């Protein structure tokens, strides 16, 4: 029986939304251990949510239920889904937030959440599925509900996917994209760290050439550098500063490893 539930949202901390979801969970599964992964995902930023979820899943017990509520399409025809990854469960909207975790851990089963007996109400709010569908479904899973009873089985390859989450090798170098920007202003790319061993030397972005180094201390303060972060991807950083502020870049921008 699962007892761990994580919450990853763009709700912030000024409002009660995250706390209300916890109240719903505890009303159904009082023994659940709820972990706030993050409530500061930039609003409607499914790319950052996808990246952050990927970083968290490997470090939790395999029965954990991961709830993601970054949901710009709430109330539309986008599906509400649950996934059985083998290394944990995920519950949330079918809008691409599960793209990267599905690439790393191909789902064993996916269901569309169509059974109101597992919701808070059979008439859920059109603007707060986190409270009325996702939190209660997660709580029922944590309490031991049969995954297959949550809804209709759907094909994993039918799930929505976000664009530009991989990389492309070309004669000019390796093209990647920005997939997230962290609290420090470090710019995290889609380029996996193993590419560094292929003999590349720098990142090119917005007309700038940024050298590859081993760690932040290999550069003078306020100098732009590229290195492999703890997440395993190449990131752009400024020693004692913000790479995003220096570059003026945005999530989804293209770059090159050369």
Protein backbone atom coordinates (compact mmCIF):
# COMPACT_ATOMS: atom_id res chain seq x y z
CA UNK A 1 0.00 0.00 0.00
CA UNK A 2 1.37 3.40 -0.96
CA UNK A 3 1.51 6.04 1.74
CA UNK A 4 3.73 8.72 0.19
CA UNK A 5 2.20 11.48 -1.94
CA UNK A 6 4.18 14.33 -3.50
CA UNK A 7 2.74 17.62 -4.75
CA UNK A 8 4.23 19.61 -7.63
CA UNK A 9 2.22 22.71 -8.62
CA UNK A 10 2.36 26.29 -9.85
CA UNK A 11 0.06 27.47 -7.05
CA UNK A 12 2.67 29.46 -5.13
CA UNK A 13 2.32 30.12 -1.41
CA UNK A 14 0.10 33.22 -1.29
CA UNK A 15 -3.09 31.21 -1.71
CA UNK A 16 -4.58 28.20 0.02
CA UNK A 17 -4.77 25.91 -3.03
CA UNK A 18 -1.92 23.60 -2.02
CA UNK A 19 -3.16 23.38 1.56
CA UNK A 20 -6.68 22.57 0.42
CA UNK A 21 -5.35 19.67 -1.65
CA UNK A 22 -3.66 18.33 1.48
CA UNK A 23 -6.94 18.61 3.38
CA UNK A 24 -8.69 16.53 0.72
CA UNK A 25 -5.91 13.93 0.83
CA UNK A 26 -5.97 13.59 4.61
CA UNK A 27 -9.78 13.35 4.62
CA UNK A 28 -9.50 10.22 2.48
CA UNK A 29 -6.16 8.79 3.61
CA UNK A 30 -5.21 10.16 7.05
CA UNK A 31 -2.06 8.04 7.16
CA UNK A 32 -0.61 9.56 3.97
CA UNK A 33 2.77 11.27 4.15
CA UNK A 34 2.53 14.34 1.89
CA UNK A 35 5.71 15.96 0.55
CA UNK A 36 5.67 19.41 -1.06
CA UNK A 37 8.12 18.98 -3.92
CA UNK A 38 7.52 22.50 -5.17
CA UNK A 39 4.66 24.98 -5.48
CA UNK A 40 6.73 27.63 -7.27
CA UNK A 41 6.71 26.24 -10.81
CA UNK A 42 6.31 29.31 -13.06
CA UNK A 43 2.60 29.70 -13.90
CA UNK A 44 1.45 27.35 -16.67
CA UNK A 45 5.07 26.23 -17.33
CA UNK A 46 4.61 22.58 -18.24
CA UNK A 47 8.24 22.27 -19.44
CA UNK A 48 9.65 23.15 -16.03
CA UNK A 49 7.13 20.88 -14.32
CA UNK A 50 8.16 17.99 -16.57
CA UNK A 51 11.84 18.56 -15.76
CA UNK A 52 11.30 18.90 -12.01
CA UNK A 53 9.19 15.75 -11.81
CA UNK A 54 11.91 13.80 -13.60
CA UNK A 55 14.43 14.95 -10.98
CA UNK A 56 12.25 13.81 -8.07
CA UNK A 57 10.84 10.42 -9.02
CA UNK A 58 14.04 8.31 -8.60
CA UNK A 59 14.48 9.41 -4.99
CA UNK A 60 11.15 8.19 -3.60
CA UNK A 61 9.87 4.71 -2.72
CA UNK A 62 8.31 2.94 -5.70
CA UNK A 63 4.81 3.10 -4.21
CA UNK A 64 4.82 6.91 -4.10
CA UNK A 65 2.03 8.82 -5.84
CA UNK A 66 3.28 11.97 -7.57
CA UNK A 67 0.58 14.60 -8.16
CA UNK A 68 1.32 17.31 -10.72
CA UNK A 69 -1.03 20.28 -11.06
CA UNK A 70 0.36 22.63 -13.69
CA UNK A 71 -2.74 22.74 -15.77
CA UNK A 72 -3.42 25.65 -18.17
CA UNK A 73 -6.09 23.53 -19.89
CA UNK A 74 -8.13 22.77 -16.77
CA UNK A 75 -11.81 22.49 -17.60
CA UNK A 76 -11.18 21.82 -21.30
CA UNK A 77 -11.27 18.49 -23.14
CA UNK A 78 -7.71 17.60 -22.02
CA UNK A 79 -7.77 14.29 -20.17
CA UNK A 80 -7.19 13.70 -16.48
CA UNK A 81 -4.89 10.70 -16.15
CA UNK A 82 -2.99 8.38 -13.83
CA UNK A 83 0.15 6.46 -14.75
CA UNK A 84 1.77 3.36 -13.29
CA UNK A 85 5.50 3.74 -13.98
CA UNK A 86 6.71 0.78 -11.98
CA UNK A 87 8.87 3.19 -9.96
CA UNK A 88 5.85 5.14 -8.74
CA UNK A 89 2.48 6.49 -9.80
CA UNK A 90 1.65 9.86 -11.36
CA UNK A 91 -1.65 11.71 -11.33
CA UNK A 92 -2.43 14.90 -13.22
CA UNK A 93 -3.43 16.44 -16.54
CA UNK A 94 -2.58 14.98 -19.94
CA UNK A 95 -0.83 18.11 -21.19
CA UNK A 96 2.79 17.00 -21.52
CA UNK A 97 3.91 17.38 -17.89
CA UNK A 98 4.70 13.65 -17.84
CA UNK A 99 6.74 13.69 -21.07
CA UNK A 100 10.19 13.24 -19.56
CA UNK A 101 9.31 10.85 -16.78
CA UNK A 102 7.60 8.63 -19.38
CA UNK A 103 10.72 8.69 -21.54
CA UNK A 104 12.85 7.58 -18.60
CA UNK A 105 10.31 5.14 -17.14
CA UNK A 106 7.90 3.90 -19.84
CA UNK A 107 4.45 3.50 -18.24
CA UNK A 108 3.22 0.00 -17.54
CA UNK A 109 -0.39 1.22 -17.42
CA UNK A 110 -2.22 4.50 -18.06
CA UNK A 111 -5.85 5.26 -17.28
CA UNK A 112 -8.09 8.21 -17.96
CA UNK A 113 -9.74 9.20 -14.68
CA UNK A 114 -13.39 8.59 -15.49
CA UNK A 115 -14.74 7.09 -12.24
CA UNK A 116 -16.33 9.80 -10.01
CA UNK A 117 -16.41 7.51 -6.97
CA UNK A 118 -12.69 8.29 -6.63
CA UNK A 119 -13.19 12.07 -6.96
CA UNK A 120 -14.15 14.54 -4.24
CA UNK A 121 -17.40 15.24 -6.09
CA UNK A 122 -19.10 13.97 -9.22
CA UNK A 123 -19.44 17.62 -10.33
CA UNK A 124 -15.85 18.88 -10.11
CA UNK A 125 -14.96 22.54 -10.45
CA UNK A 126 -13.95 23.52 -13.97
CA UNK A 127 -11.01 25.47 -12.54
CA UNK A 128 -9.68 23.26 -9.69
CA UNK A 129 -9.20 19.65 -10.73
CA UNK A 130 -6.29 19.50 -8.30
CA UNK A 131 -8.75 19.63 -5.43
CA UNK A 132 -11.66 17.72 -6.92
CA UNK A 133 -9.99 14.99 -9.03
CA UNK A 134 -6.21 14.69 -8.69
CA UNK A 135 -5.82 14.97 -4.91
CA UNK A 136 -8.63 12.51 -4.10
CA UNK A 137 -7.46 10.01 -6.72
CA UNK A 138 -3.95 10.16 -5.26
CA UNK A 139 -5.35 9.65 -1.78
CA UNK A 140 -7.36 6.61 -2.86
CA UNK A 141 -4.26 5.14 -4.50
CA UNK A 142 -2.26 5.76 -1.34
CA UNK A 143 -5.02 4.04 0.64
CA UNK A 144 -4.78 0.94 -1.55
CA UNK A 145 -7.32 1.45 -4.35
CA UNK A 146 -6.92 -0.77 -7.40
CA UNK A 147 -5.24 1.28 -10.12
CA UNK A 148 -7.25 -0.40 -12.87
CA UNK A 149 -10.54 0.75 -11.32
CA UNK A 150 -9.69 4.48 -11.57
CA UNK A 151 -10.81 4.73 -15.18
CA UNK A 152 -10.48 3.48 -18.73
CA UNK A 153 -7.14 2.13 -19.92
CA UNK A 154 -5.53 4.29 -22.61
CA UNK A 155 -2.46 3.76 -24.78
CA UNK A 156 0.74 5.32 -23.40
CA UNK A 157 1.69 6.50 -26.89
CA UNK A 158 -1.51 8.59 -27.00
CA UNK A 159 -0.33 10.90 -24.20
CA UNK A 160 0.35 14.55 -24.95
CA UNK A 161 4.02 15.40 -25.42
CA UNK A 162 5.93 18.64 -25.10
CA UNK A 163 8.16 19.72 -28.00
CA UNK A 164 11.95 20.08 -27.97
CA UNK A 165 12.80 17.94 -24.97
CA UNK A 166 15.60 15.98 -26.62
CA UNK A 167 18.52 16.96 -28.88
CA UNK A 168 19.58 16.58 -32.50
CA UNK A 169 23.06 15.71 -33.76
CA UNK A 170 23.93 17.60 -36.96
CA UNK A 171 27.13 18.23 -38.94
CA UNK A 172 27.27 21.70 -37.33
CA UNK A 173 27.07 20.34 -33.77
CA UNK A 174 24.34 19.20 -31.40
CA UNK A 175 21.20 21.28 -31.21
CA UNK A 176 19.40 21.37 -27.88
CA UNK A 177 16.87 23.52 -26.12
CA UNK A 178 16.37 25.10 -22.73
CA UNK A 179 14.12 22.90 -20.61
CA UNK A 180 14.17 24.70 -17.25
CA UNK A 181 15.67 27.65 -15.37
CA UNK A 182 16.30 27.15 -11.68
CA UNK A 183 16.14 29.44 -8.65
CA UNK A 184 19.76 30.54 -9.16
CA UNK A 185 19.22 31.50 -12.79
CA UNK A 186 21.06 28.43 -14.04
CA UNK A 187 19.82 27.56 -17.53
CA UNK A 188 19.29 23.80 -17.86
CA UNK A 189 19.45 22.40 -21.37
CA UNK A 190 18.17 19.19 -22.94
CA UNK A 191 21.76 18.15 -23.73
CA UNK A 192 22.76 15.08 -21.67
CA UNK A 193 26.09 15.24 -19.91
CA UNK A 194 27.56 12.26 -21.72
CA UNK A 195 27.93 14.44 -24.83
CA UNK A 196 30.81 16.26 -23.14
CA UNK A 197 33.01 13.19 -23.71
CA UNK A 198 32.43 13.47 -27.47
CA UNK A 199 35.00 16.25 -27.82
CA UNK A 200 32.73 19.30 -27.79
CA UNK A 201 34.11 22.45 -26.17
CA UNK A 202 31.42 25.11 -25.86
CA UNK A 203 27.80 26.14 -26.04
CA UNK A 204 26.63 28.72 -28.55
CA UNK A 205 23.50 30.69 -27.74
CA UNK A 206 22.32 34.09 -28.88
CA UNK A 207 25.67 34.88 -30.50
CA UNK A 208 27.71 34.02 -27.40
CA UNK A 209 30.25 31.23 -27.03
CA UNK A 210 30.28 29.72 -23.54
CA UNK A 211 33.13 27.35 -22.55
CA UNK A 212 32.56 23.96 -20.98
CA UNK A 213 34.13 23.53 -17.52
CA UNK A 214 33.91 20.99 -14.69
CA UNK A 215 32.46 23.07 -11.86
CA UNK A 216 31.35 26.57 -10.90
CA UNK A 217 34.69 27.37 -9.29
CA UNK A 218 36.52 26.86 -12.59
CA UNK A 219 35.44 30.35 -13.70
CA UNK A 220 36.09 33.80 -12.36
CA UNK A 221 33.14 35.47 -10.61
CA UNK A 222 30.45 36.72 -13.01
CA UNK A 223 31.80 34.74 -15.99
CA UNK A 224 29.47 32.59 -18.10
CA UNK A 225 30.21 28.86 -18.07
CA UNK A 226 28.66 25.58 -19.19
CA UNK A 227 28.91 22.40 -17.13
CA UNK A 228 27.13 19.16 -16.33
CA UNK A 229 24.74 19.71 -13.42
CA UNK A 230 23.72 17.25 -10.71
CA UNK A 231 20.66 16.38 -12.82
CA UNK A 232 22.89 15.00 -15.59
CA UNK A 233 22.20 17.70 -18.20
CA UNK A 234 24.48 20.46 -19.44
CA UNK A 235 23.53 23.77 -17.86
CA UNK A 236 24.63 27.37 -18.34
CA UNK A 237 25.64 29.28 -15.24
CA UNK A 238 27.37 32.41 -14.01
CA UNK A 239 29.78 32.06 -11.11
CA UNK A 240 28.11 34.18 -8.40
CA UNK A 241 25.39 35.35 -10.78
CA UNK A 242 22.43 34.44 -12.99
CA UNK A 243 22.91 33.01 -16.47
CA UNK A 244 19.30 33.78 -17.37
CA UNK A 245 19.73 37.45 -16.49
CA UNK A 246 22.98 37.64 -18.42
CA UNK A 247 21.62 35.94 -21.52
CA UNK A 248 18.01 37.14 -21.44
CA UNK A 249 16.95 33.66 -22.55
CA UNK A 250 13.66 31.82 -22.02
CA UNK A 251 12.53 28.27 -21.55
CA UNK A 252 12.32 26.59 -24.95
CA UNK A 253 15.06 28.67 -26.62
CA UNK A 254 17.45 26.77 -28.91
CA UNK A 255 21.23 26.45 -28.45
CA UNK A 256 24.16 24.48 -29.85
CA UNK A 257 26.91 22.29 -28.44
CA UNK A 258 29.99 22.63 -30.67
